Amino acid sequence: MSEKKNIYDLLEEEIMGTDAPAEEKNRQLSKLLKARGQKINLMLVGATGSGKSSTINAIFNTKTAEVGVGVDPETKDIECYRLENLSIWDTPGIGDVTEKDEDYATQIVKKLSEVDENGTPIIDLVMVVLDGSSKDLHSTYEMINNVIIPSMTKENANRMLIAINQADMAMKGTHWDKENNCPDETLKDFLEKKCASVKQRILDGTGIAFRPMYYSAGYTDENGVQAAPYNLTKLLYHIVLSLPAEKRMAIAENLNDDKNMWEFDDNEEDYREAISKSFADIFWDTYEEFGTKGYAIGQEVLGKPGALVGAVMGGITGAVVGVFKGLFAKHNQ
């Protein structure tokens, strides 16, 4: 069985295989090349034990990541995971030793101040991970209010996402419905109030209103049993919408290909549909001329082996929606 191609390779083949004029093919290939060259830099910040690493492992295909540390001595403690066009900068855990927190804060400021040749900040998104089971979030608030926001400026505050992890361990885990892998109504109310409290605390300190969300990245217990993540699709939804539209496909190419990771989330919105449409809209915007002239993606399943799979629905938008619906589809066990 032949290996499935990634989306970019498949689109290139489809463009070249149509009967479009050479001039139009070259124009579309140029757009594809530009989309493929987009790079994302995601920074994770959080207290020791908040679950930053488990979050990375749950969302992304870190099995193929190249892991290193900052090459600059001033960012020596920041670890970097490189996956294709995606770089994840994992900062040291804060809250253990005040002196070290000050050093880590300097490193974070250094990284956030880096810009590309156009003067655009290198870091596209800062995701702050909070421990939903902890009452002591002081060090994280200090980092947000006094380090991250001042380094990003209020105008760029939309480049920060607040995510409350370990929802299953809040209230000592006593209100977690293990059978359905979700909080009961008591715990859900507690988590909603925690989000409101975090929002108010940051608003008081910075004047900026964020919308924290809660989730569980899952964990492996002492017996090697993997606990299923919860609200991971919702977290991905917020990550995707916080990134520049033209860069979002770099996320899509590096998602964890284990469908079990995307099975459980709340039903406030259809996040799977929203994410699929977001990616599809990028393709539609990029290849609008190509699509409106009736050229269709061929009858081949898109995506990586065992990953971004879904039936081709005809047309670029429909096909891409189908790809991500396949990844995020709930299981019917």
Protein backbone atom coordinates (compact mmCIF):
# COMPACT_ATOMS: atom_id res chain seq x y z
CA MET A 1 0.00 0.00 0.00
CA SER A 2 1.49 3.32 -1.01
CA GLU A 3 2.16 6.00 1.58
CA LYS A 4 -0.36 8.83 1.74
CA LYS A 5 0.99 12.20 0.66
CA ASN A 6 0.75 15.37 2.65
CA ILE A 7 -1.70 18.03 1.58
CA TYR A 8 0.87 20.23 -0.10
CA ASP A 9 2.30 17.44 -2.25
CA LEU A 10 -1.17 16.29 -3.25
CA LEU A 11 -2.28 19.78 -4.24
CA GLU A 12 0.87 20.26 -6.31
CA GLU A 13 0.13 17.03 -8.18
CA GLU A 14 -3.47 18.08 -8.74
CA ILE A 15 -2.47 21.50 -10.04
CA MET A 16 0.01 19.97 -12.45
CA GLY A 17 -2.51 17.33 -13.57
CA THR A 18 -5.24 19.71 -14.66
CA ASP A 19 -5.74 21.12 -18.15
CA ALA A 20 -5.34 24.68 -16.85
CA PRO A 21 -3.10 27.00 -18.91
CA ALA A 22 0.58 26.98 -17.91
CA GLU A 23 0.33 30.58 -16.72
CA GLU A 24 -2.44 29.70 -14.26
CA LYS A 25 -0.62 26.57 -13.07
CA ASN A 26 2.48 28.65 -12.33
CA ARG A 27 0.40 31.20 -10.45
CA GLN A 28 -1.21 28.50 -8.30
CA LEU A 29 2.12 26.75 -7.68
CA SER A 30 3.55 30.07 -6.54
CA LYS A 31 0.71 30.45 -4.03
CA LEU A 32 1.20 26.89 -2.84
CA LEU A 33 4.93 27.45 -2.37
CA LYS A 34 4.25 30.56 -0.31
CA ALA A 35 1.73 28.71 1.88
CA ARG A 36 4.14 25.83 2.35
CA GLY A 37 6.92 28.18 3.45
CA GLN A 38 4.97 29.66 6.36
CA LYS A 39 6.51 28.90 9.76
CA ILE A 40 4.90 28.97 13.18
CA ASN A 41 6.63 29.63 16.50
CA LEU A 42 4.55 28.69 19.54
CA MET A 43 5.75 29.43 23.08
CA LEU A 44 4.43 27.58 26.16
CA VAL A 45 4.66 29.16 29.62
CA GLY A 46 3.44 27.70 32.88
CA ALA A 47 4.23 26.64 36.42
CA THR A 48 6.03 23.40 37.21
CA GLY A 49 3.45 20.59 37.10
CA SER A 50 0.92 22.47 34.99
CA GLY A 51 1.27 19.91 32.20
CA LYS A 52 2.96 21.84 29.39
CA SER A 53 4.81 18.77 28.10
CA SER A 54 1.72 16.55 28.21
CA THR A 55 -0.15 19.25 26.29
CA ILE A 56 2.52 19.30 23.58
CA ASN A 57 2.49 15.51 23.34
CA ALA A 58 -1.31 15.36 23.18
CA ILE A 59 -1.77 17.91 20.41
CA PHE A 60 1.27 17.40 18.22
CA ASN A 61 3.09 14.50 16.64
CA THR A 62 6.15 14.95 18.85
CA LYS A 63 7.40 11.45 18.01
CA THR A 64 9.03 13.01 14.96
CA ALA A 65 10.25 16.18 16.67
CA GLU A 66 13.84 17.31 16.81
CA VAL A 67 14.45 18.47 20.36
CA GLY A 68 17.07 21.04 21.31
CA VAL A 69 17.62 24.08 23.48
CA GLY A 70 18.02 27.75 22.74
CA VAL A 71 21.35 28.33 21.04
CA ASP A 72 21.63 31.78 22.59
CA PRO A 73 23.17 31.59 26.11
CA GLU A 74 20.49 34.03 27.24
CA THR A 75 17.77 31.51 26.35
CA LYS A 76 19.70 28.40 27.37
CA ASP A 77 16.87 26.89 29.42
CA ILE A 78 14.17 27.16 26.76
CA GLU A 79 13.67 23.82 25.01
CA CYS A 80 12.60 23.75 21.37
CA TYR A 81 10.61 21.04 19.56
CA ARG A 82 10.87 21.33 15.78
CA LEU A 83 8.25 19.64 13.61
CA GLU A 84 8.40 20.52 9.92
CA ASN A 85 7.39 24.23 9.81
CA LEU A 86 6.32 24.31 13.46
CA SER A 87 8.62 25.22 16.36
CA ILE A 88 7.37 24.84 19.93
CA TRP A 89 9.36 26.77 22.53
CA ASP A 90 8.84 25.16 25.94
CA THR A 91 9.96 27.49 28.72
CA PRO A 92 11.10 26.20 32.15
CA GLY A 93 8.49 25.66 34.84
CA ILE A 94 7.98 28.72 37.01
CA GLY A 95 7.10 29.01 40.68
CA ASP A 96 9.78 26.85 42.31
CA VAL A 97 12.56 29.34 43.11
CA THR A 98 12.15 33.13 42.93
CA GLU A 99 15.71 33.71 41.73
CA LYS A 100 15.27 31.22 38.89
CA ASP A 101 11.91 32.74 37.94
CA GLU A 102 13.68 36.06 37.47
CA ASP A 103 16.21 34.39 35.18
CA TYR A 104 13.45 32.61 33.25
CA ALA A 105 11.56 35.89 32.91
CA THR A 106 14.64 37.45 31.31
CA GLN A 107 14.87 34.55 28.88
CA ILE A 108 11.17 34.85 27.96
CA VAL A 109 11.50 38.59 27.37
CA LYS A 110 14.55 37.91 25.20
CA LYS A 111 12.64 35.41 23.08
CA LEU A 112 9.52 37.55 22.79
CA SER A 113 11.62 40.50 21.63
CA GLU A 114 13.04 38.63 18.62
CA VAL A 115 11.76 39.83 15.25
CA ASP A 116 12.18 38.68 11.65
CA GLU A 117 13.57 40.68 8.74
CA ASN A 118 10.25 42.54 8.45
CA GLY A 119 10.18 43.52 12.11
CA THR A 120 7.42 40.99 12.91
CA PRO A 121 7.76 39.17 16.25
CA ILE A 122 9.15 35.66 15.82
CA ILE A 123 6.77 34.17 18.41
CA ASP A 124 3.32 33.91 16.84
CA LEU A 125 1.48 32.72 19.93
CA VAL A 126 2.16 32.41 23.66
CA MET A 127 0.06 29.74 25.34
CA VAL A 128 0.01 30.05 29.14
CA VAL A 129 -0.87 26.74 30.79
CA LEU A 130 -2.39 26.89 34.29
CA ASP A 131 -2.95 23.97 36.65
CA GLY A 132 -6.70 23.66 37.18
CA SER A 133 -6.17 21.69 40.40
CA SER A 134 -3.99 24.36 42.03
CA LYS A 135 -5.12 27.30 44.13
CA ASP A 136 -1.72 28.99 44.00
CA LEU A 137 -1.43 30.70 40.62
CA HIS A 138 0.44 33.75 41.90
CA SER A 139 3.71 33.09 40.03
CA THR A 140 1.83 32.58 36.77
CA TYR A 141 -0.13 35.81 37.22
CA GLU A 142 3.15 37.60 37.92
CA MET A 143 4.63 36.20 34.71
CA ILE A 144 1.57 37.19 32.64
CA ASN A 145 1.05 40.66 34.12
CA ASN A 146 4.65 41.77 34.56
CA VAL A 147 6.59 39.90 31.89
CA ILE A 148 4.57 38.54 28.96
CA ILE A 149 2.04 41.34 28.39
CA PRO A 150 4.62 44.15 28.72
CA SER A 151 6.85 42.29 26.25
CA MET A 152 4.05 41.81 23.72
CA THR A 153 2.28 45.17 24.21
CA LYS A 154 -1.50 45.44 24.63
CA GLU A 155 -1.95 45.85 20.88
CA ASN A 156 -0.58 42.33 20.32
CA ALA A 157 -2.27 40.72 23.31
CA ASN A 158 -4.36 38.54 20.99
CA ARG A 159 -1.13 36.54 20.56
CA MET A 160 -1.60 35.09 24.05
CA LEU A 161 -3.92 32.21 24.97
CA ILE A 162 -4.81 31.21 28.55
CA ALA A 163 -5.51 27.48 28.95
CA ILE A 164 -6.39 25.76 32.24
CA ASN A 165 -5.14 22.16 32.19
CA GLN A 166 -5.87 19.17 34.45
CA ALA A 167 -9.58 19.83 34.64
CA ASP A 168 -9.99 16.20 35.68
CA MET A 169 -7.92 16.78 38.82
CA ALA A 170 -9.77 19.91 40.01
CA MET A 171 -11.81 19.50 43.21
CA LYS A 172 -9.44 16.59 43.93
CA GLY A 173 -10.94 14.69 41.01
CA THR A 174 -14.03 13.77 43.02
CA HIS A 175 -16.47 15.17 40.46
CA TRP A 176 -14.91 13.71 37.33
CA ASP A 177 -17.16 11.32 35.42
CA LYS A 178 -14.60 8.66 34.51
CA GLU A 179 -17.01 6.60 32.44
CA ASN A 180 -17.80 9.49 30.09
CA ASN A 181 -14.47 11.28 30.58
CA CYS A 182 -16.00 14.64 31.43
CA PRO A 183 -16.78 16.84 34.45
CA ASP A 184 -20.12 16.50 36.19
CA GLU A 185 -22.27 19.60 36.60
CA THR A 186 -20.69 20.51 39.94
CA LEU A 187 -17.17 20.38 38.53
CA LYS A 188 -18.19 22.16 35.34
CA ASP A 189 -19.59 25.01 37.44
CA PHE A 190 -16.36 25.09 39.46
CA LEU A 191 -14.23 25.22 36.27
CA GLU A 192 -16.37 27.96 34.75
CA LYS A 193 -15.96 30.03 37.90
CA LYS A 194 -12.20 29.38 37.84
CA CYS A 195 -12.05 30.68 34.27
CA ALA A 196 -13.99 33.78 35.33
CA SER A 197 -11.64 34.30 38.29
CA VAL A 198 -8.53 33.97 36.10
CA LYS A 199 -10.04 36.37 33.57
CA GLN A 200 -10.78 38.96 36.26
CA ARG A 201 -7.34 38.61 37.87
CA ILE A 202 -5.57 39.28 34.56
CA LEU A 203 -8.00 42.07 33.65
CA ASP A 204 -7.25 43.79 36.97
CA GLY A 205 -3.50 43.48 36.37
CA THR A 206 -3.30 44.37 32.69
CA GLY A 207 -6.58 45.96 31.60
CA ILE A 208 -6.96 43.23 28.98
CA ALA A 209 -9.88 40.78 28.92
CA PHE A 210 -8.93 37.23 27.96
CA ARG A 211 -11.23 34.21 27.70
CA PRO A 212 -9.55 31.29 29.48
CA MET A 213 -10.73 27.78 28.65
CA TYR A 214 -10.26 24.49 30.49
CA TYR A 215 -9.15 21.08 29.29
CA SER A 216 -7.21 17.98 30.26
CA ALA A 217 -4.22 16.87 28.23
CA GLY A 218 -4.45 13.36 29.67
CA TYR A 219 -1.64 11.55 31.44
CA THR A 220 -0.07 8.13 31.80
CA ASP A 221 -0.51 6.59 35.25
CA GLU A 222 1.97 4.40 37.14
CA ASN A 223 0.62 1.34 35.32
CA GLY A 224 1.26 2.86 31.91
CA VAL A 225 -2.45 3.44 31.24
CA GLN A 226 -3.17 6.55 29.17
CA ALA A 227 -6.01 8.72 30.48
CA ALA A 228 -7.99 10.22 27.61
CA PRO A 229 -7.70 13.96 26.99
CA TYR A 230 -10.75 16.19 27.36
CA ASN A 231 -11.58 19.38 25.41
CA LEU A 232 -8.41 18.99 23.34
CA THR A 233 -10.28 19.88 20.15
CA LYS A 234 -11.59 23.02 21.82
CA LEU A 235 -8.04 23.94 22.81
CA LEU A 236 -6.86 23.38 19.25
CA TYR A 237 -9.73 25.56 18.01
CA HIS A 238 -8.49 28.45 20.16
CA ILE A 239 -4.88 27.89 19.06
CA VAL A 240 -5.87 27.91 15.40
CA LEU A 241 -7.97 31.07 15.63
CA SER A 242 -5.21 32.85 17.56
CA LEU A 243 -2.71 32.30 14.74
CA PRO A 244 -2.40 34.35 11.54
CA ALA A 245 -4.68 32.70 8.94
CA GLU A 246 -1.90 32.24 6.43
CA LYS A 247 0.11 30.15 8.92
CA ARG A 248 -2.56 27.77 10.17
CA MET A 249 -1.79 24.93 7.78
CA ALA A 250 1.60 24.50 9.49
CA ILE A 251 -0.38 23.39 12.54
CA ALA A 252 -2.49 21.00 10.47
CA GLU A 253 0.52 19.19 9.09
CA ASN A 254 1.83 18.37 12.58
CA LEU A 255 -1.22 17.26 14.56
CA ASN A 256 -1.16 14.10 16.63
CA ASP A 257 -2.46 11.35 14.35
CA ASP A 258 -4.03 9.35 17.21
CA LYS A 259 -7.78 9.87 16.81
CA ASN A 260 -8.32 8.92 20.46
CA MET A 261 -6.80 12.25 21.40
CA TRP A 262 -9.67 14.12 19.73
CA GLU A 263 -12.61 12.07 20.95
CA PHE A 264 -13.86 13.83 24.08
CA ASP A 265 -14.91 17.45 24.39
CA ASP A 266 -17.89 19.45 25.57
CA ASN A 267 -20.73 20.22 23.20
CA GLU A 268 -21.00 23.98 23.52
CA GLU A 269 -19.96 24.32 19.89
CA ASP A 270 -18.97 22.02 17.07
CA TYR A 271 -15.26 22.74 17.30
CA ARG A 272 -14.42 20.01 14.82
CA GLU A 273 -16.53 21.71 12.18
CA ALA A 274 -15.08 25.12 13.02
CA ILE A 275 -11.48 23.93 12.77
CA SER A 276 -12.14 22.08 9.52
CA LYS A 277 -13.81 25.14 8.01
CA SER A 278 -10.96 27.37 9.18
CA PHE A 279 -8.41 25.26 7.32
CA ALA A 280 -10.69 24.91 4.31
CA ASP A 281 -11.20 28.67 4.14
CA ILE A 282 -7.43 29.13 3.92
CA PHE A 283 -7.31 26.85 0.91
CA TRP A 284 -10.32 28.51 -0.62
CA ASP A 285 -8.77 31.96 -0.23
CA THR A 286 -5.50 30.69 -1.67
CA TYR A 287 -6.93 28.71 -4.56
CA GLU A 288 -10.17 30.55 -5.26
CA GLU A 289 -9.47 30.99 -8.97
CA PHE A 290 -8.42 27.38 -9.22
CA GLY A 291 -11.59 26.15 -7.48
CA THR A 292 -14.09 28.37 -9.23
CA LYS A 293 -12.91 27.15 -12.63
CA GLY A 294 -14.08 23.67 -11.78
CA TYR A 295 -10.79 21.93 -11.17
CA ALA A 296 -11.34 19.31 -8.45
CA ILE A 297 -9.04 17.37 -6.19
CA GLY A 298 -8.71 13.82 -7.46
CA GLN A 299 -10.22 10.73 -5.87
CA GLU A 300 -7.44 10.20 -3.35
CA VAL A 301 -7.62 10.38 0.41
CA LEU A 302 -5.70 13.36 1.77
CA GLY A 303 -3.30 13.39 4.67
CA LYS A 304 -0.48 11.52 6.34
CA PRO A 305 -0.60 7.77 7.01
CA GLY A 306 -3.21 7.08 9.68
CA ALA A 307 -3.73 10.76 10.31
CA LEU A 308 -5.59 13.44 8.36
CA VAL A 309 -7.98 11.06 6.68
CA GLY A 310 -11.42 11.63 5.24
CA ALA A 311 -13.41 11.00 2.11
CA VAL A 312 -12.85 13.46 -0.73
CA MET A 313 -16.04 15.45 -1.04
CA GLY A 314 -15.31 17.18 -4.33
CA GLY A 315 -13.85 20.66 -4.66
CA ILE A 316 -11.03 22.05 -2.58
CA THR A 317 -13.14 23.38 0.29
CA GLY A 318 -15.18 20.21 0.63
CA ALA A 319 -12.13 18.01 0.42
CA VAL A 320 -10.23 19.83 3.14
CA VAL A 321 -13.29 19.84 5.40
CA GLY A 322 -13.50 16.08 4.83
CA VAL A 323 -9.88 15.63 5.83
CA PHE A 324 -10.30 17.23 9.22
CA LYS A 325 -13.70 15.75 9.89
CA GLY A 326 -11.99 12.41 9.52
CA LEU A 327 -9.41 13.30 12.17
CA PHE A 328 -11.85 14.81 14.64
CA ALA A 329 -14.75 12.39 14.13
CA LYS A 330 -16.09 10.81 17.28
CA HIS A 331 -15.72 7.07 17.62
CA ASN A 332 -18.70 4.77 17.59
CA GLN A 333 -17.36 1.98 19.72
